[in-house]
Each structure stands twice: as C-alpha cells, then as structure tokens.
Amino acid sequence: MTVFLKRISTALLLLSVFLLSPAWAEGRDFLVDADWLAAEKEKNKNLVILEARYHPHRFYTVGHIEGAVQVQRFKDLGDNLAKPIMRFPSKEKFEKTLRSWGVNNDSTIVLYDDSSTALVARLYGTLELFGYDMSKVKILDGGTIGWTGFNELTKEPTPTPKEGNVTLKDPNPDMLVEWMDVYDDVVSRRDEKVVLVDARPADMYNGKTIRHAVQGGHIPGALNIVSLDGTDGQSQSWKSAEDLEAMYKDIPKDKTVYLYCHDGFRMSLGFLQLRSLGFKDVRFVNGGWSAWDGAMTLPIVQGDKPYDEDYSL
C-alpha cells in the first residue's frame, strides 16, 4: 500500500507540473515525456536511449530504463587527457563513443538523467557541436522521476549495442570560445555585444564556497544566472517559459552569450534554456571555470557584482 500511495503521489506531482508549467511549449520541442518515450520504445527500431547519472553506479544499483545505454559523464563527455578534463572531446573520440553506443546517422536519440537534465544537456550540446541532426535528439523531461511515475526501472544489464556508423562533422566554431576570447571580449575590451553568464550557484559565484576549484569567485564581468533555478527540484522538470524569461530578463536576445560553469553541465543547461527562449548566438566557454581558475594568474572577482573596484572603472 505504501508503494502504491507513493506512486500515486508522484504521478499527481508530475501531472500538476505538466498542467501548470507546459514543458512542451514552442521553442522546447526537444523535451518529451514518459508516455512519448514508452510509445517510441514500442515502434521505433532506430531508437537509442542514453542515461547519465550523477552517481554512475546507480545505473546498476538503482536501475535504468530497459534498453538504456550508460553514459559515464566525465569519461564520455570530456577530453580525458586535457587539463581540465572537461574540455570538449575531439570529433574522433566522440564519434567513436557514439558508435560504441550503437548510434547511427538516422538514430533517434533520447537522453535522460537524474539531475534535472543538466547532465544530458552537456550531451545534447556536444551532439549539436559536432553536427548531429538535432531533430532526432530528445530529452526526457523529469528524467528518472518522470519515468518512474508509471514505469519501472530494471537492473538487468543492457546488451552491448551493435556498433553504430554515425559520422560527425567538424566542431561548429560558432558554439565555442576559449578563455582568451573571454579575456579579450569581456575583461579587456568590454564588448557591448557580448554577455558573459556564470551558471553556477550564487555561493560559488561570489566566492563564499570553494568547491571543485582552487579559488572562489567569478570571471570579471560575469552575470550570475543559476541554470538549475529553471527546473523544479521535486519533479526535475523544466519550469515554464515565463519563469525562464524572468530568469534571463536582463539579457537582450540580440546579444552574444558566453556561458560557463565548473565542468560543462550547468552551462549546457543554460545553453538549452536560452535557445528555448529564442536566443540565437549562445556559446560555451571551453573548460569553463576550471580552465580560468586553474591558470592561477587570470583575474577573478569575489562578491555579488560582476566587477569589483579594480575592474569597474
């Protein structure tokens, strides 16, 4: 009875989120729900389901959607031998990884996680970076919570997929910037066409908390817009377009937006949010705060404002 009531409670929560916060509104057609995925599993022979968990062992210990292939978020989504390791992988490495997951050029790919879509946002962004047909890529809104409202997870191992044949393109140069671009455009020239956004939590932005970093603070000139604030903590579903518009209200849509976080996940969620709102020119800072902070000699600002006294003049 307790399990039954818990399932009913979860289902009602997800239904209320669906009714009050339309996740599948215009601009976010990459989001799908559990019913869509369940139907697709029955009819689409070209379907590839990819799961990324914050704690990867839970793919085995808690379970996964039947047929899902595990994505190990650090190993599979970064340049393993670079410093920092979460620079974007090379085309060759990522293509090899996708093929090992059974991805072909005509595959429909569904991504889900247990982290409010922040983890799979990085995978989505990497697929777009290398020219995959994004009309064939979907994200399960609500992730594992959205699925388990009415469906089961399994602990049965997913059979090794047949090697795929996907062919990627060279990375799109209009989606990436390096720390040198940020230093030139934002810190030095104060280019009015560029807005720099730090997608991390406020206590990391202002320097009160140092985590996954050597130093606390942010890149001079960065606005702090916490991308995870655009999702509901309980259901892990996206909030409404109106909520996202309010989050990003201080950024005109004709600006070029540079995004960063620690290791590429929160900024990728911000990327998807901005794109869903109609922003056209949104770019990843390759390596993010890890690259800037790790250099040790680049300037940083502590506090809640984009610039401190040294850089506000």
C-alpha atoms as a PDB file:
ATOM      1  CA  MET A   1       0.000   0.000   0.000  1.00  0.00           C
ATOM      2  CA  THR A   2       2.826   2.386   0.857  1.00  0.00           C
ATOM      3  CA  VAL A   3       4.470   1.806  -2.535  1.00  0.00           C
ATOM      4  CA  PHE A   4       1.111   2.310  -4.273  1.00  0.00           C
ATOM      5  CA  LEU A   5       0.460   5.602  -2.479  1.00  0.00           C
ATOM      6  CA  LYS A   6       3.967   6.790  -3.272  1.00  0.00           C
ATOM      7  CA  ARG A   7       3.394   6.083  -6.957  1.00  0.00           C
ATOM      8  CA  ILE A   8       0.064   7.945  -6.912  1.00  0.00           C
ATOM      9  CA  SER A   9       1.702  10.910  -5.177  1.00  0.00           C
ATOM     10  CA  THR A  10       4.492  11.024  -7.756  1.00  0.00           C
ATOM     11  CA  ALA A  11       2.010  10.772 -10.608  1.00  0.00           C
ATOM     12  CA  LEU A  12      -0.096  13.632  -9.255  1.00  0.00           C
ATOM     13  CA  LEU A  13       3.008  15.778  -8.800  1.00  0.00           C
ATOM     14  CA  LEU A  14       4.072  15.205 -12.387  1.00  0.00           C
ATOM     15  CA  LEU A  15       0.558  15.870 -13.663  1.00  0.00           C
ATOM     16  CA  SER A  16       0.393  19.179 -11.815  1.00  0.00           C
ATOM     17  CA  VAL A  17       3.769  20.224 -13.237  1.00  0.00           C
ATOM     18  CA  PHE A  18       2.566  19.319 -16.717  1.00  0.00           C
ATOM     19  CA  LEU A  19      -0.630  21.357 -16.367  1.00  0.00           C
ATOM     20  CA  LEU A  20       0.900  24.404 -14.701  1.00  0.00           C
ATOM     21  CA  SER A  21       4.239  24.547 -16.498  1.00  0.00           C
ATOM     22  CA  PRO A  22       3.913  23.481 -20.139  1.00  0.00           C
ATOM     23  CA  ALA A  23       7.263  21.847 -20.834  1.00  0.00           C
ATOM     24  CA  TRP A  24       6.469  21.119 -24.436  1.00  0.00           C
ATOM     25  CA  ALA A  25       5.668  24.655 -25.484  1.00  0.00           C
ATOM     26  CA  GLU A  26       7.064  26.355 -28.551  1.00  0.00           C
ATOM     27  CA  GLY A  27      10.876  26.500 -28.518  1.00  0.00           C
ATOM     28  CA  ARG A  28      11.357  23.384 -26.399  1.00  0.00           C
ATOM     29  CA  ASP A  29      10.217  20.617 -28.710  1.00  0.00           C
ATOM     30  CA  PHE A  30      13.331  18.634 -27.752  1.00  0.00           C
ATOM     31  CA  LEU A  31      11.605  17.817 -24.443  1.00  0.00           C
ATOM     32  CA  VAL A  32       9.434  14.692 -24.335  1.00  0.00           C
ATOM     33  CA  ASP A  33       7.510  12.932 -21.589  1.00  0.00           C
ATOM     34  CA  ALA A  34       7.447   9.327 -20.374  1.00  0.00           C
ATOM     35  CA  ASP A  35       4.370   8.432 -22.442  1.00  0.00           C
ATOM     36  CA  TRP A  36       6.100   9.593 -25.610  1.00  0.00           C
ATOM     37  CA  LEU A  37       9.167   7.502 -24.793  1.00  0.00           C
ATOM     38  CA  ALA A  38       7.133   4.418 -23.886  1.00  0.00           C
ATOM     39  CA  ALA A  39       5.346   4.589 -27.241  1.00  0.00           C
ATOM     40  CA  GLU A  40       8.593   5.199 -29.114  1.00  0.00           C
ATOM     41  CA  LYS A  41      10.189   2.160 -27.481  1.00  0.00           C
ATOM     42  CA  GLU A  42       7.462   0.002 -28.977  1.00  0.00           C
ATOM     43  CA  LYS A  43       7.610   1.261 -32.549  1.00  0.00           C
ATOM     44  CA  ASN A  44      10.990   2.859 -33.324  1.00  0.00           C
ATOM     45  CA  LYS A  45      13.701   0.380 -34.292  1.00  0.00           C
ATOM     46  CA  ASN A  46      16.195   3.233 -34.650  1.00  0.00           C
ATOM     47  CA  LEU A  47      15.766   4.369 -31.037  1.00  0.00           C
ATOM     48  CA  VAL A  48      18.858   4.784 -28.831  1.00  0.00           C
ATOM     49  CA  ILE A  49      18.281   5.625 -25.151  1.00  0.00           C
ATOM     50  CA  LEU A  50      21.201   7.100 -23.213  1.00  0.00           C
ATOM     51  CA  GLU A  51      21.318   7.551 -19.442  1.00  0.00           C
ATOM     52  CA  ALA A  52      23.713   9.783 -17.469  1.00  0.00           C
ATOM     53  CA  ARG A  53      23.545   9.682 -13.669  1.00  0.00           C
ATOM     54  CA  TYR A  54      25.258  11.953 -11.181  1.00  0.00           C
ATOM     55  CA  HIS A  55      26.497   8.812  -9.395  1.00  0.00           C
ATOM     56  CA  PRO A  56      27.122   6.418 -12.296  1.00  0.00           C
ATOM     57  CA  HIS A  57      26.940   3.224 -10.223  1.00  0.00           C
ATOM     58  CA  ARG A  58      23.198   3.811  -9.776  1.00  0.00           C
ATOM     59  CA  PHE A  59      22.692   2.686 -13.365  1.00  0.00           C
ATOM     60  CA  TYR A  60      23.294  -0.781 -11.880  1.00  0.00           C
ATOM     61  CA  THR A  61      22.251  -0.465  -8.229  1.00  0.00           C
ATOM     62  CA  VAL A  62      19.052   1.578  -8.612  1.00  0.00           C
ATOM     63  CA  GLY A  63      18.273   0.648 -12.195  1.00  0.00           C
ATOM     64  CA  HIS A  64      17.742   2.168 -15.620  1.00  0.00           C
ATOM     65  CA  ILE A  65      15.139   2.292 -18.347  1.00  0.00           C
ATOM     66  CA  GLU A  66      15.104  -1.026 -20.167  1.00  0.00           C
ATOM     67  CA  GLY A  67      17.449  -0.858 -23.136  1.00  0.00           C
ATOM     68  CA  ALA A  68      19.240   2.287 -21.990  1.00  0.00           C
ATOM     69  CA  VAL A  69      22.985   2.600 -22.521  1.00  0.00           C
ATOM     70  CA  GLN A  70      25.052   4.118 -19.738  1.00  0.00           C
ATOM     71  CA  VAL A  71      26.844   7.424 -20.289  1.00  0.00           C
ATOM     72  CA  GLN A  72      29.693   7.969 -17.837  1.00  0.00           C
ATOM     73  CA  ARG A  73      29.540  11.732 -17.736  1.00  0.00           C
ATOM     74  CA  PHE A  74      33.180  12.610 -17.116  1.00  0.00           C
ATOM     75  CA  LYS A  75      34.818   9.847 -19.148  1.00  0.00           C
ATOM     76  CA  ASP A  76      32.479  10.027 -22.119  1.00  0.00           C
ATOM     77  CA  LEU A  77      31.777  13.750 -22.405  1.00  0.00           C
ATOM     78  CA  GLY A  78      35.186  15.347 -21.965  1.00  0.00           C
ATOM     79  CA  ASP A  79      38.731  15.333 -23.286  1.00  0.00           C
ATOM     80  CA  ASN A  80      40.165  12.804 -20.856  1.00  0.00           C
ATOM     81  CA  LEU A  81      43.813  13.765 -21.294  1.00  0.00           C
ATOM     82  CA  ALA A  82      43.370  17.537 -21.367  1.00  0.00           C
ATOM     83  CA  LYS A  83      43.645  19.947 -18.469  1.00  0.00           C
ATOM     84  CA  PRO A  84      40.960  20.491 -17.385  1.00  0.00           C
ATOM     85  CA  ILE A  85      39.465  17.145 -18.343  1.00  0.00           C
ATOM     86  CA  MET A  86      36.065  18.616 -19.221  1.00  0.00           C
ATOM     87  CA  ARG A  87      37.122  20.489 -22.297  1.00  0.00           C
ATOM     88  CA  PHE A  88      35.017  19.198 -25.162  1.00  0.00           C
ATOM     89  CA  PRO A  89      36.237  15.908 -26.649  1.00  0.00           C
ATOM     90  CA  SER A  90      37.661  15.679 -30.152  1.00  0.00           C
ATOM     91  CA  LYS A  91      35.394  14.747 -33.029  1.00  0.00           C
ATOM     92  CA  GLU A  92      37.214  11.436 -33.408  1.00  0.00           C
ATOM     93  CA  LYS A  93      36.850  10.487 -29.740  1.00  0.00           C
ATOM     94  CA  PHE A  94      33.205  11.458 -29.514  1.00  0.00           C
ATOM     95  CA  GLU A  95      32.346   9.731 -32.781  1.00  0.00           C
ATOM     96  CA  LYS A  96      33.958   6.521 -31.504  1.00  0.00           C
ATOM     97  CA  THR A  97      31.998   6.817 -28.260  1.00  0.00           C
ATOM     98  CA  LEU A  98      28.697   7.327 -30.058  1.00  0.00           C
ATOM     99  CA  ARG A  99      29.340   4.336 -32.300  1.00  0.00           C
ATOM    100  CA  SER A 100      30.011   2.186 -29.225  1.00  0.00           C
ATOM    101  CA  TRP A 101      26.539   3.176 -28.011  1.00  0.00           C
ATOM    102  CA  GLY A 102      25.019   1.973 -31.283  1.00  0.00           C
ATOM    103  CA  VAL A 103      24.311   5.417 -32.740  1.00  0.00           C
ATOM    104  CA  ASN A 104      23.800   5.671 -36.493  1.00  0.00           C
ATOM    105  CA  ASN A 105      23.192   8.746 -38.634  1.00  0.00           C
ATOM    106  CA  ASP A 106      19.441   8.049 -38.615  1.00  0.00           C
ATOM    107  CA  SER A 107      19.111   7.139 -34.922  1.00  0.00           C
ATOM    108  CA  THR A 108      16.505   8.800 -32.748  1.00  0.00           C
ATOM    109  CA  ILE A 109      18.390   9.535 -29.523  1.00  0.00           C
ATOM    110  CA  VAL A 110      16.591  10.017 -26.207  1.00  0.00           C
ATOM    111  CA  LEU A 111      18.630  11.357 -23.297  1.00  0.00           C
ATOM    112  CA  TYR A 112      17.741  11.253 -19.620  1.00  0.00           C
ATOM    113  CA  ASP A 113      19.408  11.756 -16.254  1.00  0.00           C
ATOM    114  CA  ASP A 114      18.662  12.126 -12.550  1.00  0.00           C
ATOM    115  CA  SER A 115      19.884  15.738 -12.345  1.00  0.00           C
ATOM    116  CA  SER A 116      17.161  17.989 -13.781  1.00  0.00           C
ATOM    117  CA  THR A 117      18.537  17.482 -17.330  1.00  0.00           C
ATOM    118  CA  ALA A 118      21.823  19.269 -16.513  1.00  0.00           C
ATOM    119  CA  LEU A 119      23.924  16.183 -17.299  1.00  0.00           C
ATOM    120  CA  VAL A 120      22.255  15.285 -20.575  1.00  0.00           C
ATOM    121  CA  ALA A 121      22.262  18.943 -21.597  1.00  0.00           C
ATOM    122  CA  ARG A 122      26.034  18.549 -21.971  1.00  0.00           C
ATOM    123  CA  LEU A 123      25.497  15.509 -24.199  1.00  0.00           C
ATOM    124  CA  TYR A 124      22.864  17.375 -26.204  1.00  0.00           C
ATOM    125  CA  GLY A 125      25.201  20.326 -26.679  1.00  0.00           C
ATOM    126  CA  THR A 126      28.070  18.065 -27.733  1.00  0.00           C
ATOM    127  CA  LEU A 127      25.889  16.348 -30.328  1.00  0.00           C
ATOM    128  CA  GLU A 128      24.947  19.738 -31.747  1.00  0.00           C
ATOM    129  CA  LEU A 129      28.550  20.931 -31.640  1.00  0.00           C
ATOM    130  CA  PHE A 130      29.541  18.085 -33.951  1.00  0.00           C
ATOM    131  CA  GLY A 131      26.655  18.453 -36.376  1.00  0.00           C
ATOM    132  CA  TYR A 132      24.281  15.621 -35.487  1.00  0.00           C
ATOM    133  CA  ASP A 133      20.727  16.029 -36.806  1.00  0.00           C
ATOM    134  CA  MET A 134      19.200  17.601 -33.688  1.00  0.00           C
ATOM    135  CA  SER A 135      15.640  16.999 -34.878  1.00  0.00           C
ATOM    136  CA  LYS A 136      16.351  13.387 -33.907  1.00  0.00           C
ATOM    137  CA  VAL A 137      17.553  14.167 -30.355  1.00  0.00           C
ATOM    138  CA  LYS A 138      15.117  14.361 -27.444  1.00  0.00           C
ATOM    139  CA  ILE A 139      15.432  14.859 -23.687  1.00  0.00           C
ATOM    140  CA  LEU A 140      13.131  13.101 -21.222  1.00  0.00           C
ATOM    141  CA  ASP A 141      11.718  15.899 -19.074  1.00  0.00           C
ATOM    142  CA  GLY A 142      11.814  14.848 -15.438  1.00  0.00           C
ATOM    143  CA  GLY A 143      14.381  12.142 -16.142  1.00  0.00           C
ATOM    144  CA  THR A 144      14.220   9.129 -13.842  1.00  0.00           C
ATOM    145  CA  ILE A 145      11.445  10.709 -11.755  1.00  0.00           C
ATOM    146  CA  GLY A 146       9.360  11.405 -14.833  1.00  0.00           C
ATOM    147  CA  TRP A 147       9.769   7.803 -15.974  1.00  0.00           C
ATOM    148  CA  THR A 148       9.087   6.050 -12.657  1.00  0.00           C
ATOM    149  CA  GLY A 149       5.742   7.788 -12.121  1.00  0.00           C
ATOM    150  CA  PHE A 150       4.127   4.962 -14.120  1.00  0.00           C
ATOM    151  CA  ASN A 151       7.034   2.833 -15.363  1.00  0.00           C
ATOM    152  CA  GLU A 152       9.648   0.538 -13.880  1.00  0.00           C
ATOM    153  CA  LEU A 153      13.421   0.632 -13.941  1.00  0.00           C
ATOM    154  CA  THR A 154      15.409  -2.521 -14.483  1.00  0.00           C
ATOM    155  CA  LYS A 155      18.723  -3.728 -13.086  1.00  0.00           C
ATOM    156  CA  GLU A 156      19.181  -6.180 -15.935  1.00  0.00           C
ATOM    157  CA  PRO A 157      22.314  -5.305 -17.917  1.00  0.00           C
ATOM    158  CA  THR A 158      21.666  -3.762 -21.311  1.00  0.00           C
ATOM    159  CA  PRO A 159      23.189  -5.944 -24.050  1.00  0.00           C
ATOM    160  CA  THR A 160      26.192  -4.411 -25.781  1.00  0.00           C
ATOM    161  CA  PRO A 161      24.784  -2.488 -28.760  1.00  0.00           C
ATOM    162  CA  LYS A 162      25.751  -3.298 -32.313  1.00  0.00           C
ATOM    163  CA  GLU A 163      28.493  -0.916 -33.413  1.00  0.00           C
ATOM    164  CA  GLY A 164      26.985   2.206 -34.946  1.00  0.00           C
ATOM    165  CA  ASN A 165      28.089   4.044 -38.062  1.00  0.00           C
ATOM    166  CA  VAL A 166      27.429   7.676 -37.148  1.00  0.00           C
ATOM    167  CA  THR A 167      29.641  10.213 -38.912  1.00  0.00           C
ATOM    168  CA  LEU A 168      30.175  13.579 -37.251  1.00  0.00           C
ATOM    169  CA  LYS A 169      31.192  16.950 -38.642  1.00  0.00           C
ATOM    170  CA  ASP A 170      33.992  19.239 -37.512  1.00  0.00           C
ATOM    171  CA  PRO A 171      33.033  21.252 -34.419  1.00  0.00           C
ATOM    172  CA  ASN A 172      30.952  24.333 -35.087  1.00  0.00           C
ATOM    173  CA  PRO A 173      33.269  27.294 -34.347  1.00  0.00           C
ATOM    174  CA  ASP A 174      30.261  29.496 -33.556  1.00  0.00           C
ATOM    175  CA  MET A 175      29.438  27.414 -30.476  1.00  0.00           C
ATOM    176  CA  LEU A 176      32.772  27.560 -28.636  1.00  0.00           C
ATOM    177  CA  VAL A 177      35.021  30.217 -27.152  1.00  0.00           C
ATOM    178  CA  GLU A 178      38.292  29.839 -25.261  1.00  0.00           C
ATOM    179  CA  TRP A 179      39.455  31.694 -22.169  1.00  0.00           C
ATOM    180  CA  MET A 180      41.433  34.046 -24.412  1.00  0.00           C
ATOM    181  CA  ASP A 181      38.199  35.171 -26.114  1.00  0.00           C
ATOM    182  CA  VAL A 182      36.621  35.875 -22.737  1.00  0.00           C
ATOM    183  CA  TYR A 183      39.681  37.829 -21.592  1.00  0.00           C
ATOM    184  CA  ASP A 184      39.687  39.879 -24.801  1.00  0.00           C
ATOM    185  CA  ASP A 185      35.951  40.441 -25.309  1.00  0.00           C
ATOM    186  CA  VAL A 186      34.713  40.787 -21.716  1.00  0.00           C
ATOM    187  CA  VAL A 187      37.598  41.585 -19.367  1.00  0.00           C
ATOM    188  CA  SER A 188      39.624  43.812 -21.679  1.00  0.00           C
ATOM    189  CA  ARG A 189      37.530  45.408 -24.459  1.00  0.00           C
ATOM    190  CA  ARG A 190      34.137  45.260 -22.703  1.00  0.00           C
ATOM    191  CA  ASP A 191      32.470  44.368 -25.982  1.00  0.00           C
ATOM    192  CA  GLU A 192      28.859  45.543 -25.602  1.00  0.00           C
ATOM    193  CA  LYS A 193      27.625  42.836 -27.948  1.00  0.00           C
ATOM    194  CA  VAL A 194      28.816  40.084 -25.563  1.00  0.00           C
ATOM    195  CA  VAL A 195      27.280  38.989 -22.258  1.00  0.00           C
ATOM    196  CA  LEU A 196      29.149  36.537 -20.018  1.00  0.00           C
ATOM    197  CA  VAL A 197      26.996  34.284 -17.808  1.00  0.00           C
ATOM    198  CA  ASP A 198      28.159  32.186 -14.850  1.00  0.00           C
ATOM    199  CA  ALA A 199      25.604  29.368 -14.421  1.00  0.00           C
ATOM    200  CA  ARG A 200      26.914  28.137 -11.044  1.00  0.00           C
ATOM    201  CA  PRO A 201      25.233  28.537  -7.620  1.00  0.00           C
ATOM    202  CA  ALA A 202      25.479  32.016  -6.094  1.00  0.00           C
ATOM    203  CA  ASP A 203      27.795  30.966  -3.242  1.00  0.00           C
ATOM    204  CA  MET A 204      30.349  29.709  -5.745  1.00  0.00           C
ATOM    205  CA  TYR A 205      29.975  32.813  -7.906  1.00  0.00           C
ATOM    206  CA  ASN A 206      30.560  35.188  -5.007  1.00  0.00           C
ATOM    207  CA  GLY A 207      33.408  33.134  -3.567  1.00  0.00           C
ATOM    208  CA  LYS A 208      31.830  32.153  -0.256  1.00  0.00           C
ATOM    209  CA  THR A 209      32.062  28.479  -1.210  1.00  0.00           C
ATOM    210  CA  ILE A 210      35.101  26.955  -2.899  1.00  0.00           C
ATOM    211  CA  ARG A 211      34.217  23.594  -4.377  1.00  0.00           C
ATOM    212  CA  HIS A 212      35.698  21.779  -7.349  1.00  0.00           C
ATOM    213  CA  ALA A 213      38.078  24.737  -7.609  1.00  0.00           C
ATOM    214  CA  VAL A 214      41.276  26.252  -6.270  1.00  0.00           C
ATOM    215  CA  GLN A 215      39.852  29.751  -5.854  1.00  0.00           C
ATOM    216  CA  GLY A 216      36.427  31.182  -5.147  1.00  0.00           C
ATOM    217  CA  GLY A 217      34.782  33.876  -7.213  1.00  0.00           C
ATOM    218  CA  HIS A 218      33.996  34.504 -10.861  1.00  0.00           C
ATOM    219  CA  ILE A 219      35.399  35.868 -14.102  1.00  0.00           C
ATOM    220  CA  PRO A 220      35.274  39.696 -14.165  1.00  0.00           C
ATOM    221  CA  GLY A 221      32.128  40.869 -15.915  1.00  0.00           C
ATOM    222  CA  ALA A 222      30.092  37.685 -15.480  1.00  0.00           C
ATOM    223  CA  LEU A 223      26.420  37.809 -14.545  1.00  0.00           C
ATOM    224  CA  ASN A 224      25.231  35.045 -12.223  1.00  0.00           C
ATOM    225  CA  ILE A 225      22.159  33.234 -13.556  1.00  0.00           C
ATOM    226  CA  VAL A 226      21.822  29.820 -11.905  1.00  0.00           C
ATOM    227  CA  SER A 227      20.612  27.465 -14.623  1.00  0.00           C
ATOM    228  CA  LEU A 228      19.248  24.881 -12.175  1.00  0.00           C
ATOM    229  CA  ASP A 229      16.820  27.530 -10.905  1.00  0.00           C
ATOM    230  CA  GLY A 230      14.975  26.925 -14.168  1.00  0.00           C
ATOM    231  CA  THR A 231      13.949  23.430 -13.094  1.00  0.00           C
ATOM    232  CA  ASP A 232      11.667  22.115 -10.358  1.00  0.00           C
ATOM    233  CA  GLY A 233      13.666  20.378  -7.628  1.00  0.00           C
ATOM    234  CA  GLN A 234      10.995  17.772  -6.855  1.00  0.00           C
ATOM    235  CA  SER A 235       9.861  16.700 -10.296  1.00  0.00           C
ATOM    236  CA  GLN A 236      13.165  17.602 -12.030  1.00  0.00           C
ATOM    237  CA  SER A 237      11.075  19.013 -14.868  1.00  0.00           C
ATOM    238  CA  TRP A 238      11.590  22.311 -16.629  1.00  0.00           C
ATOM    239  CA  LYS A 239       9.751  25.357 -15.333  1.00  0.00           C
ATOM    240  CA  SER A 240       7.529  27.378 -17.637  1.00  0.00           C
ATOM    241  CA  ALA A 241       8.788  29.583 -20.439  1.00  0.00           C
ATOM    242  CA  GLU A 242       7.575  32.568 -18.408  1.00  0.00           C
ATOM    243  CA  ASP A 243       9.798  31.540 -15.497  1.00  0.00           C
ATOM    244  CA  LEU A 244      12.791  31.209 -17.795  1.00  0.00           C
ATOM    245  CA  GLU A 245      12.064  34.570 -19.410  1.00  0.00           C
ATOM    246  CA  ALA A 246      12.142  36.109 -15.931  1.00  0.00           C
ATOM    247  CA  MET A 247      15.474  34.420 -15.152  1.00  0.00           C
ATOM    248  CA  TYR A 248      17.150  35.829 -18.253  1.00  0.00           C
ATOM    249  CA  LYS A 249      15.263  39.150 -18.436  1.00  0.00           C
ATOM    250  CA  ASP A 250      18.431  41.233 -18.138  1.00  0.00           C
ATOM    251  CA  ILE A 251      19.946  39.810 -21.338  1.00  0.00           C
ATOM    252  CA  PRO A 252      18.702  41.197 -24.681  1.00  0.00           C
ATOM    253  CA  LYS A 253      18.128  38.453 -27.222  1.00  0.00           C
ATOM    254  CA  ASP A 254      20.322  40.113 -29.827  1.00  0.00           C
ATOM    255  CA  LYS A 255      23.429  39.711 -27.659  1.00  0.00           C
ATOM    256  CA  THR A 256      26.086  37.018 -27.990  1.00  0.00           C
ATOM    257  CA  VAL A 257      26.072  34.998 -24.765  1.00  0.00           C
ATOM    258  CA  TYR A 258      29.155  33.240 -23.416  1.00  0.00           C
ATOM    259  CA  LEU A 259      28.303  30.586 -20.809  1.00  0.00           C
ATOM    260  CA  TYR A 260      30.465  28.850 -18.238  1.00  0.00           C
ATOM    261  CA  CYS A 261      30.236  26.757 -15.083  1.00  0.00           C
ATOM    262  CA  HIS A 262      32.705  24.436 -13.380  1.00  0.00           C
ATOM    263  CA  ASP A 263      32.803  21.468 -15.715  1.00  0.00           C
ATOM    264  CA  GLY A 264      30.291  21.977 -18.500  1.00  0.00           C
ATOM    265  CA  PHE A 265      26.949  20.689 -17.224  1.00  0.00           C
ATOM    266  CA  ARG A 266      25.206  23.706 -15.700  1.00  0.00           C
ATOM    267  CA  MET A 267      26.323  25.896 -18.604  1.00  0.00           C
ATOM    268  CA  SER A 268      24.875  23.345 -21.029  1.00  0.00           C
ATOM    269  CA  LEU A 269      21.534  23.547 -19.252  1.00  0.00           C
ATOM    270  CA  GLY A 270      21.755  27.334 -19.570  1.00  0.00           C
ATOM    271  CA  PHE A 271      22.513  26.895 -23.272  1.00  0.00           C
ATOM    272  CA  LEU A 272      19.333  24.875 -23.772  1.00  0.00           C
ATOM    273  CA  GLN A 273      17.278  27.329 -21.736  1.00  0.00           C
ATOM    274  CA  LEU A 274      18.490  30.320 -23.722  1.00  0.00           C
ATOM    275  CA  ARG A 275      17.981  28.580 -27.031  1.00  0.00           C
ATOM    276  CA  SER A 276      14.441  27.605 -25.992  1.00  0.00           C
ATOM    277  CA  LEU A 277      13.747  31.310 -25.390  1.00  0.00           C
ATOM    278  CA  GLY A 278      14.896  32.306 -28.857  1.00  0.00           C
ATOM    279  CA  PHE A 279      18.484  33.403 -28.234  1.00  0.00           C
ATOM    280  CA  LYS A 280      20.410  32.787 -31.455  1.00  0.00           C
ATOM    281  CA  ASP A 281      24.086  33.199 -30.535  1.00  0.00           C
ATOM    282  CA  VAL A 282      24.955  31.195 -27.405  1.00  0.00           C
ATOM    283  CA  ARG A 283      28.469  29.831 -26.904  1.00  0.00           C
ATOM    284  CA  PHE A 284      30.251  27.544 -24.457  1.00  0.00           C
ATOM    285  CA  VAL A 285      33.416  28.655 -22.681  1.00  0.00           C
ATOM    286  CA  ASN A 286      35.548  25.576 -23.309  1.00  0.00           C
ATOM    287  CA  GLY A 287      36.887  24.309 -19.984  1.00  0.00           C
ATOM    288  CA  GLY A 288      34.797  26.807 -18.014  1.00  0.00           C
ATOM    289  CA  TRP A 289      35.779  27.977 -14.547  1.00  0.00           C
ATOM    290  CA  SER A 290      38.176  25.034 -14.234  1.00  0.00           C
ATOM    291  CA  ALA A 291      40.316  26.453 -17.037  1.00  0.00           C
ATOM    292  CA  TRP A 292      40.161  30.056 -15.802  1.00  0.00           C
ATOM    293  CA  ASP A 293      40.669  29.221 -12.127  1.00  0.00           C
ATOM    294  CA  GLY A 294      43.367  26.644 -12.823  1.00  0.00           C
ATOM    295  CA  ALA A 295      45.527  29.133 -14.698  1.00  0.00           C
ATOM    296  CA  MET A 296      46.109  30.826 -11.294  1.00  0.00           C
ATOM    297  CA  THR A 297      47.191  34.117 -12.864  1.00  0.00           C
ATOM    298  CA  LEU A 298      43.947  35.215 -14.535  1.00  0.00           C
ATOM    299  CA  PRO A 299      41.908  37.846 -12.673  1.00  0.00           C
ATOM    300  CA  ILE A 300      38.939  36.879 -10.530  1.00  0.00           C
ATOM    301  CA  VAL A 301      36.245  38.841  -8.733  1.00  0.00           C
ATOM    302  CA  GLN A 302      34.687  37.938  -5.388  1.00  0.00           C
ATOM    303  CA  GLY A 303      31.317  39.242  -4.280  1.00  0.00           C
ATOM    304  CA  ASP A 304      27.869  39.512  -5.824  1.00  0.00           C
ATOM    305  CA  LYS A 305      28.628  42.073  -8.528  1.00  0.00           C
ATOM    306  CA  PRO A 306      30.120  41.365 -11.970  1.00  0.00           C
ATOM    307  CA  TYR A 307      33.076  43.706 -11.363  1.00  0.00           C
ATOM    308  CA  ASP A 308      34.973  44.744  -8.238  1.00  0.00           C
ATOM    309  CA  GLU A 309      36.732  48.087  -7.700  1.00  0.00           C
ATOM    310  CA  ASP A 310      39.702  47.094  -9.842  1.00  0.00           C
ATOM    311  CA  TYR A 311      37.589  46.249 -12.866  1.00  0.00           C
ATOM    312  CA  SER A 312      34.597  48.544 -12.533  1.00  0.00           C
ATOM    313  CA  LEU A 313      36.490  51.654 -13.633  1.00  0.00           C
END
